[in-house]
């Protein structure tokens, strides 16, 4: 399975000090069928722990997720800062997920070379 993060998410994770290990753990939970919320259109919401705290008080991340194939971290927010995302934002995430799922491996690699995606280190 390939795991990526978008350019926006790279900056967000760096600012919030969310490491790749935490992101991988969220995808491993999803692969075992432990998904916090399936918001439709290939987008799931997973919880990621805040440093020194648990997942429940940490971050919510939206991931374009296709089991066994591709996961792309799209967006994140702290539970204490925001309850949820708006319907129009969610629809945009679903559209991005659909485009990513339609992308070939070569297209994904091109996005990595251009800096629009970054592979998550395991």
N, C-alpha and C. Protein backbone atom coordinates (compact mmCIF):
# COMPACT_ATOMS: atom_id res chain seq x y z
N UNK A 1 0.83 -1.18 0.00
CA UNK A 1 0.00 0.00 0.00
C UNK A 1 0.88 1.24 0.00
N UNK A 2 0.54 2.20 -0.84
CA UNK A 2 1.23 3.48 -0.90
C UNK A 2 0.50 4.46 0.01
N UNK A 3 1.26 5.21 0.80
CA UNK A 3 0.70 6.21 1.70
C UNK A 3 1.38 7.54 1.41
N UNK A 4 0.56 8.57 1.14
CA UNK A 4 1.06 9.89 0.82
C UNK A 4 0.39 10.94 1.71
N UNK A 5 0.96 12.12 1.71
CA UNK A 5 0.31 13.29 2.29
C UNK A 5 0.39 14.42 1.28
N UNK A 6 -0.65 15.24 1.26
CA UNK A 6 -0.69 16.37 0.33
C UNK A 6 0.21 17.49 0.83
N UNK A 7 0.47 18.43 -0.05
CA UNK A 7 1.32 19.58 0.29
C UNK A 7 0.73 20.33 1.49
N UNK A 8 -0.59 20.54 1.50
CA UNK A 8 -1.22 21.21 2.64
C UNK A 8 -1.01 20.40 3.91
N UNK A 9 -1.21 19.08 3.83
CA UNK A 9 -1.09 18.25 5.01
C UNK A 9 0.35 18.17 5.52
N UNK A 10 1.31 18.23 4.63
CA UNK A 10 2.73 18.23 5.03
C UNK A 10 2.99 19.41 5.96
N UNK A 11 2.53 20.59 5.55
CA UNK A 11 2.72 21.79 6.38
C UNK A 11 1.98 21.67 7.71
N UNK A 12 0.76 21.17 7.65
CA UNK A 12 -0.05 21.02 8.86
C UNK A 12 0.62 20.05 9.84
N UNK A 13 1.05 18.90 9.35
CA UNK A 13 1.68 17.89 10.20
C UNK A 13 2.98 18.43 10.81
N UNK A 14 3.74 19.17 10.04
CA UNK A 14 4.98 19.76 10.56
C UNK A 14 4.66 20.75 11.68
N UNK A 15 3.68 21.62 11.45
CA UNK A 15 3.32 22.63 12.45
C UNK A 15 2.80 21.99 13.74
N UNK A 16 2.02 20.93 13.60
CA UNK A 16 1.42 20.26 14.76
C UNK A 16 2.29 19.14 15.32
N UNK A 17 3.43 18.91 14.68
CA UNK A 17 4.37 17.86 15.10
C UNK A 17 3.73 16.46 15.08
N UNK A 18 3.02 16.19 13.99
CA UNK A 18 2.45 14.85 13.76
C UNK A 18 3.47 14.08 12.94
N UNK A 19 4.00 13.02 13.49
CA UNK A 19 5.04 12.28 12.77
C UNK A 19 4.45 11.20 11.87
N UNK A 20 5.30 10.73 10.94
CA UNK A 20 4.85 9.71 9.99
C UNK A 20 4.45 8.41 10.68
N UNK A 21 5.08 8.11 11.82
CA UNK A 21 4.71 6.90 12.56
C UNK A 21 3.26 6.93 13.01
N UNK A 22 2.80 8.09 13.46
CA UNK A 22 1.40 8.24 13.86
C UNK A 22 0.46 8.09 12.67
N UNK A 23 0.88 8.61 11.53
CA UNK A 23 0.06 8.49 10.32
C UNK A 23 -0.02 7.04 9.86
N UNK A 24 1.10 6.35 9.90
CA UNK A 24 1.12 4.93 9.53
C UNK A 24 0.23 4.12 10.46
N UNK A 25 0.26 4.45 11.74
CA UNK A 25 -0.56 3.73 12.72
C UNK A 25 -2.05 3.92 12.40
N UNK A 26 -2.45 5.12 11.98
CA UNK A 26 -3.84 5.38 11.60
C UNK A 26 -4.25 4.53 10.40
N UNK A 27 -3.34 4.38 9.44
CA UNK A 27 -3.64 3.57 8.25
C UNK A 27 -3.65 2.09 8.60
N UNK A 28 -2.76 1.67 9.48
CA UNK A 28 -2.76 0.27 9.92
C UNK A 28 -4.07 -0.08 10.61
N UNK A 29 -4.61 0.84 11.41
CA UNK A 29 -5.91 0.61 12.05
C UNK A 29 -7.00 0.48 10.98
N UNK A 30 -6.96 1.36 9.98
CA UNK A 30 -7.95 1.30 8.91
C UNK A 30 -7.86 -0.03 8.15
N UNK A 31 -6.64 -0.49 7.91
CA UNK A 31 -6.45 -1.76 7.20
C UNK A 31 -7.01 -2.94 7.98
N UNK A 32 -7.04 -2.81 9.31
CA UNK A 32 -7.64 -3.86 10.16
C UNK A 32 -9.14 -3.68 10.30
N UNK A 33 -9.69 -2.68 9.62
CA UNK A 33 -11.13 -2.44 9.66
C UNK A 33 -11.56 -1.50 10.76
N UNK A 34 -10.61 -0.89 11.45
CA UNK A 34 -10.93 0.05 12.53
C UNK A 34 -10.89 1.47 11.95
N UNK A 35 -12.05 1.90 11.49
CA UNK A 35 -12.19 3.21 10.87
C UNK A 35 -13.09 4.05 11.76
N UNK A 36 -12.61 5.21 12.16
CA UNK A 36 -13.38 6.06 13.06
C UNK A 36 -14.66 6.56 12.40
N UNK A 37 -14.60 6.94 11.12
CA UNK A 37 -15.80 7.35 10.39
C UNK A 37 -15.54 7.21 8.90
N UNK A 38 -16.48 6.60 8.21
CA UNK A 38 -16.45 6.55 6.75
C UNK A 38 -17.38 7.66 6.29
N UNK A 39 -16.81 8.71 5.71
CA UNK A 39 -17.62 9.86 5.33
C UNK A 39 -18.03 9.82 3.87
N UNK A 40 -17.77 8.70 3.21
CA UNK A 40 -18.24 8.48 1.85
C UNK A 40 -17.25 8.93 0.79
N UNK A 41 -17.45 8.39 -0.41
CA UNK A 41 -16.63 8.77 -1.54
C UNK A 41 -15.17 8.39 -1.42
N UNK A 42 -14.88 7.37 -0.61
CA UNK A 42 -13.50 6.94 -0.42
C UNK A 42 -12.74 7.77 0.59
N UNK A 43 -13.44 8.59 1.37
CA UNK A 43 -12.80 9.42 2.38
C UNK A 43 -13.18 8.88 3.76
N UNK A 44 -12.15 8.69 4.59
CA UNK A 44 -12.38 8.26 5.96
C UNK A 44 -11.82 9.31 6.92
N UNK A 45 -12.36 9.30 8.13
CA UNK A 45 -11.83 10.16 9.17
C UNK A 45 -11.21 9.27 10.23
N UNK A 46 -9.96 9.53 10.55
CA UNK A 46 -9.24 8.77 11.57
C UNK A 46 -8.75 9.74 12.64
N UNK A 47 -8.60 9.22 13.84
CA UNK A 47 -8.02 10.01 14.92
C UNK A 47 -6.53 9.71 15.01
N UNK A 48 -5.76 10.76 15.27
CA UNK A 48 -4.31 10.66 15.44
C UNK A 48 -3.99 11.31 16.78
N UNK A 49 -3.17 10.64 17.57
CA UNK A 49 -2.85 11.13 18.91
C UNK A 49 -2.01 12.40 18.87
N UNK A 50 -2.27 13.25 19.83
CA UNK A 50 -1.44 14.42 20.09
C UNK A 50 -0.24 13.93 20.89
N UNK A 51 0.93 14.51 20.71
CA UNK A 51 2.13 14.10 21.44
C UNK A 51 1.86 14.11 22.94
N UNK A 52 2.12 12.98 23.58
CA UNK A 52 1.96 12.87 25.02
C UNK A 52 0.52 12.69 25.49
N UNK A 53 -0.41 12.58 24.54
CA UNK A 53 -1.82 12.41 24.89
C UNK A 53 -2.41 11.31 24.02
N UNK A 54 -3.65 11.01 24.23
CA UNK A 54 -4.31 9.96 23.46
C UNK A 54 -4.96 10.47 22.20
N UNK A 55 -5.53 9.55 21.44
CA UNK A 55 -6.19 9.90 20.19
C UNK A 55 -7.45 10.73 20.42
N UNK A 56 -8.17 10.47 21.52
CA UNK A 56 -9.45 11.17 21.72
C UNK A 56 -9.28 12.67 21.89
N UNK A 57 -8.14 13.12 22.39
CA UNK A 57 -7.91 14.56 22.54
C UNK A 57 -6.96 15.09 21.47
N UNK A 58 -6.73 14.31 20.45
CA UNK A 58 -5.75 14.68 19.44
C UNK A 58 -6.34 15.30 18.20
N UNK A 59 -5.97 14.78 17.05
CA UNK A 59 -6.31 15.35 15.76
C UNK A 59 -7.27 14.44 15.02
N UNK A 60 -8.06 15.05 14.17
CA UNK A 60 -8.91 14.32 13.23
C UNK A 60 -8.30 14.54 11.86
N UNK A 61 -8.10 13.46 11.12
CA UNK A 61 -7.53 13.59 9.79
C UNK A 61 -8.46 12.95 8.78
N UNK A 62 -8.57 13.59 7.63
CA UNK A 62 -9.35 13.05 6.52
C UNK A 62 -8.38 12.42 5.54
N UNK A 63 -8.70 11.19 5.14
CA UNK A 63 -7.80 10.41 4.31
C UNK A 63 -8.56 9.85 3.12
N UNK A 64 -8.03 10.06 1.92
CA UNK A 64 -8.54 9.34 0.76
C UNK A 64 -7.99 7.92 0.91
N UNK A 65 -8.89 6.95 1.05
CA UNK A 65 -8.44 5.61 1.43
C UNK A 65 -9.10 4.55 0.57
N UNK A 66 -8.25 3.75 -0.06
CA UNK A 66 -8.72 2.57 -0.80
C UNK A 66 -7.93 1.39 -0.24
N UNK A 67 -8.64 0.51 0.45
CA UNK A 67 -8.05 -0.59 1.21
C UNK A 67 -7.03 -1.38 0.38
N UNK A 68 -5.85 -1.54 0.96
CA UNK A 68 -4.80 -2.35 0.33
C UNK A 68 -4.10 -1.71 -0.84
N UNK A 69 -4.47 -0.48 -1.18
CA UNK A 69 -3.94 0.14 -2.39
C UNK A 69 -3.33 1.52 -2.14
N UNK A 70 -4.15 2.46 -1.66
CA UNK A 70 -3.71 3.84 -1.60
C UNK A 70 -4.34 4.56 -0.41
N UNK A 71 -3.54 5.37 0.26
CA UNK A 71 -4.03 6.26 1.31
C UNK A 71 -3.32 7.60 1.14
N UNK A 72 -4.11 8.68 1.13
CA UNK A 72 -3.55 10.02 0.99
C UNK A 72 -4.16 10.90 2.07
N UNK A 73 -3.32 11.44 2.95
CA UNK A 73 -3.77 12.35 3.99
C UNK A 73 -4.08 13.69 3.36
N UNK A 74 -5.34 14.13 3.49
CA UNK A 74 -5.81 15.33 2.82
C UNK A 74 -5.91 16.54 3.74
N UNK A 75 -6.42 16.32 4.94
CA UNK A 75 -6.77 17.45 5.80
C UNK A 75 -6.73 17.01 7.25
N UNK A 76 -6.43 17.92 8.14
CA UNK A 76 -6.42 17.62 9.56
C UNK A 76 -6.89 18.80 10.38
N UNK A 77 -7.42 18.49 11.55
CA UNK A 77 -7.82 19.54 12.47
C UNK A 77 -7.82 18.98 13.88
N UNK A 78 -7.59 19.85 14.84
CA UNK A 78 -7.62 19.46 16.24
C UNK A 78 -9.07 19.47 16.71
N UNK A 79 -9.42 18.47 17.48
CA UNK A 79 -10.78 18.38 18.00
C UNK A 79 -11.14 19.62 18.81
N UNK A 80 -10.18 20.14 19.54
CA UNK A 80 -10.46 21.30 20.40
C UNK A 80 -10.67 22.58 19.59
N UNK A 81 -10.23 22.60 18.33
CA UNK A 81 -10.35 23.79 17.50
C UNK A 81 -11.58 23.79 16.60
N UNK A 82 -12.07 22.60 16.30
CA UNK A 82 -13.16 22.50 15.33
C UNK A 82 -13.93 21.22 15.58
N UNK A 83 -15.26 21.30 15.56
CA UNK A 83 -16.07 20.10 15.78
C UNK A 83 -16.03 19.17 14.58
N UNK A 84 -16.18 19.73 13.40
CA UNK A 84 -16.21 18.91 12.20
C UNK A 84 -15.99 19.82 11.00
N UNK A 85 -16.05 19.23 9.81
CA UNK A 85 -15.89 20.03 8.59
C UNK A 85 -17.27 20.24 7.96
N UNK A 86 -17.36 21.26 7.16
CA UNK A 86 -18.62 21.61 6.49
C UNK A 86 -18.88 20.65 5.33
N UNK A 87 -20.14 20.57 4.94
CA UNK A 87 -20.53 19.66 3.85
C UNK A 87 -19.83 19.99 2.54
N UNK A 88 -19.68 21.28 2.22
CA UNK A 88 -19.02 21.65 0.97
C UNK A 88 -17.53 21.28 0.99
N UNK A 89 -16.90 21.38 2.16
CA UNK A 89 -15.50 20.97 2.29
C UNK A 89 -15.38 19.46 2.10
N UNK A 90 -16.31 18.73 2.68
CA UNK A 90 -16.30 17.27 2.55
C UNK A 90 -16.50 16.85 1.10
N UNK A 91 -17.38 17.54 0.40
CA UNK A 91 -17.60 17.24 -1.02
C UNK A 91 -16.32 17.47 -1.82
N UNK A 92 -15.60 18.53 -1.50
CA UNK A 92 -14.32 18.79 -2.17
C UNK A 92 -13.33 17.66 -1.91
N UNK A 93 -13.29 17.18 -0.67
CA UNK A 93 -12.39 16.08 -0.32
C UNK A 93 -12.76 14.81 -1.10
N UNK A 94 -14.04 14.57 -1.26
CA UNK A 94 -14.49 13.40 -2.04
C UNK A 94 -14.05 13.51 -3.50
N UNK A 95 -14.13 14.72 -4.05
CA UNK A 95 -13.70 14.94 -5.44
C UNK A 95 -12.20 14.73 -5.58
N UNK A 96 -11.44 15.23 -4.63
CA UNK A 96 -9.99 15.02 -4.65
C UNK A 96 -9.67 13.53 -4.56
N UNK A 97 -10.38 12.83 -3.67
CA UNK A 97 -10.16 11.38 -3.52
C UNK A 97 -10.44 10.66 -4.83
N UNK A 98 -11.52 11.01 -5.49
CA UNK A 98 -11.86 10.36 -6.76
C UNK A 98 -10.76 10.58 -7.79
N UNK A 99 -10.24 11.81 -7.85
CA UNK A 99 -9.14 12.09 -8.79
C UNK A 99 -7.90 11.27 -8.44
N UNK A 100 -7.59 11.17 -7.16
CA UNK A 100 -6.42 10.40 -6.74
C UNK A 100 -6.58 8.92 -7.08
N UNK A 101 -7.77 8.38 -6.86
CA UNK A 101 -8.01 6.96 -7.15
C UNK A 101 -7.94 6.67 -8.65
N UNK A 102 -8.25 7.67 -9.47
CA UNK A 102 -8.18 7.51 -10.92
C UNK A 102 -6.76 7.69 -11.45
N UNK A 103 -5.86 8.19 -10.62
CA UNK A 103 -4.48 8.46 -11.05
C UNK A 103 -3.69 7.18 -11.24
N UNK A 104 -2.84 7.19 -12.23
CA UNK A 104 -1.93 6.07 -12.43
C UNK A 104 -0.75 6.22 -11.48
N UNK A 105 0.03 5.16 -11.35
CA UNK A 105 1.23 5.21 -10.51
C UNK A 105 2.19 6.28 -11.03
N UNK A 106 2.29 6.41 -12.37
CA UNK A 106 3.16 7.41 -12.96
C UNK A 106 2.70 8.82 -12.60
N UNK A 107 1.40 9.04 -12.59
CA UNK A 107 0.85 10.35 -12.25
C UNK A 107 1.13 10.69 -10.78
N UNK A 108 0.98 9.71 -9.90
CA UNK A 108 1.28 9.93 -8.49
C UNK A 108 2.76 10.25 -8.29
N UNK A 109 3.63 9.53 -9.00
CA UNK A 109 5.07 9.80 -8.90
C UNK A 109 5.42 11.19 -9.42
N UNK A 110 4.72 11.62 -10.46
CA UNK A 110 4.94 12.97 -10.98
C UNK A 110 4.54 14.00 -9.92
N UNK A 111 3.43 13.77 -9.23
CA UNK A 111 3.01 14.69 -8.17
C UNK A 111 4.03 14.73 -7.03
N UNK A 112 4.66 13.59 -6.76
CA UNK A 112 5.73 13.55 -5.75
C UNK A 112 6.91 14.39 -6.22
N UNK A 113 7.32 14.21 -7.47
CA UNK A 113 8.45 14.98 -8.01
C UNK A 113 8.16 16.48 -8.00
N UNK A 114 6.91 16.86 -8.23
CA UNK A 114 6.53 18.27 -8.27
C UNK A 114 6.26 18.85 -6.88
N UNK A 115 6.31 18.00 -5.84
CA UNK A 115 6.12 18.48 -4.48
C UNK A 115 4.67 18.59 -4.03
N UNK A 116 3.75 18.10 -4.84
CA UNK A 116 2.33 18.17 -4.45
C UNK A 116 1.94 17.02 -3.52
N UNK A 117 2.69 15.94 -3.57
CA UNK A 117 2.52 14.81 -2.67
C UNK A 117 3.87 14.43 -2.10
N UNK A 118 3.84 13.82 -0.92
CA UNK A 118 5.06 13.29 -0.31
C UNK A 118 4.71 11.93 0.27
N UNK A 119 5.57 10.95 0.01
CA UNK A 119 5.31 9.62 0.54
C UNK A 119 5.58 9.60 2.04
N UNK A 120 4.70 8.93 2.76
CA UNK A 120 4.87 8.79 4.21
C UNK A 120 5.91 7.73 4.47
N UNK A 121 6.90 8.07 5.30
CA UNK A 121 7.98 7.12 5.64
C UNK A 121 7.51 6.16 6.69
N UNK A 122 7.75 4.89 6.46
CA UNK A 122 7.36 3.86 7.42
C UNK A 122 8.50 3.56 8.37
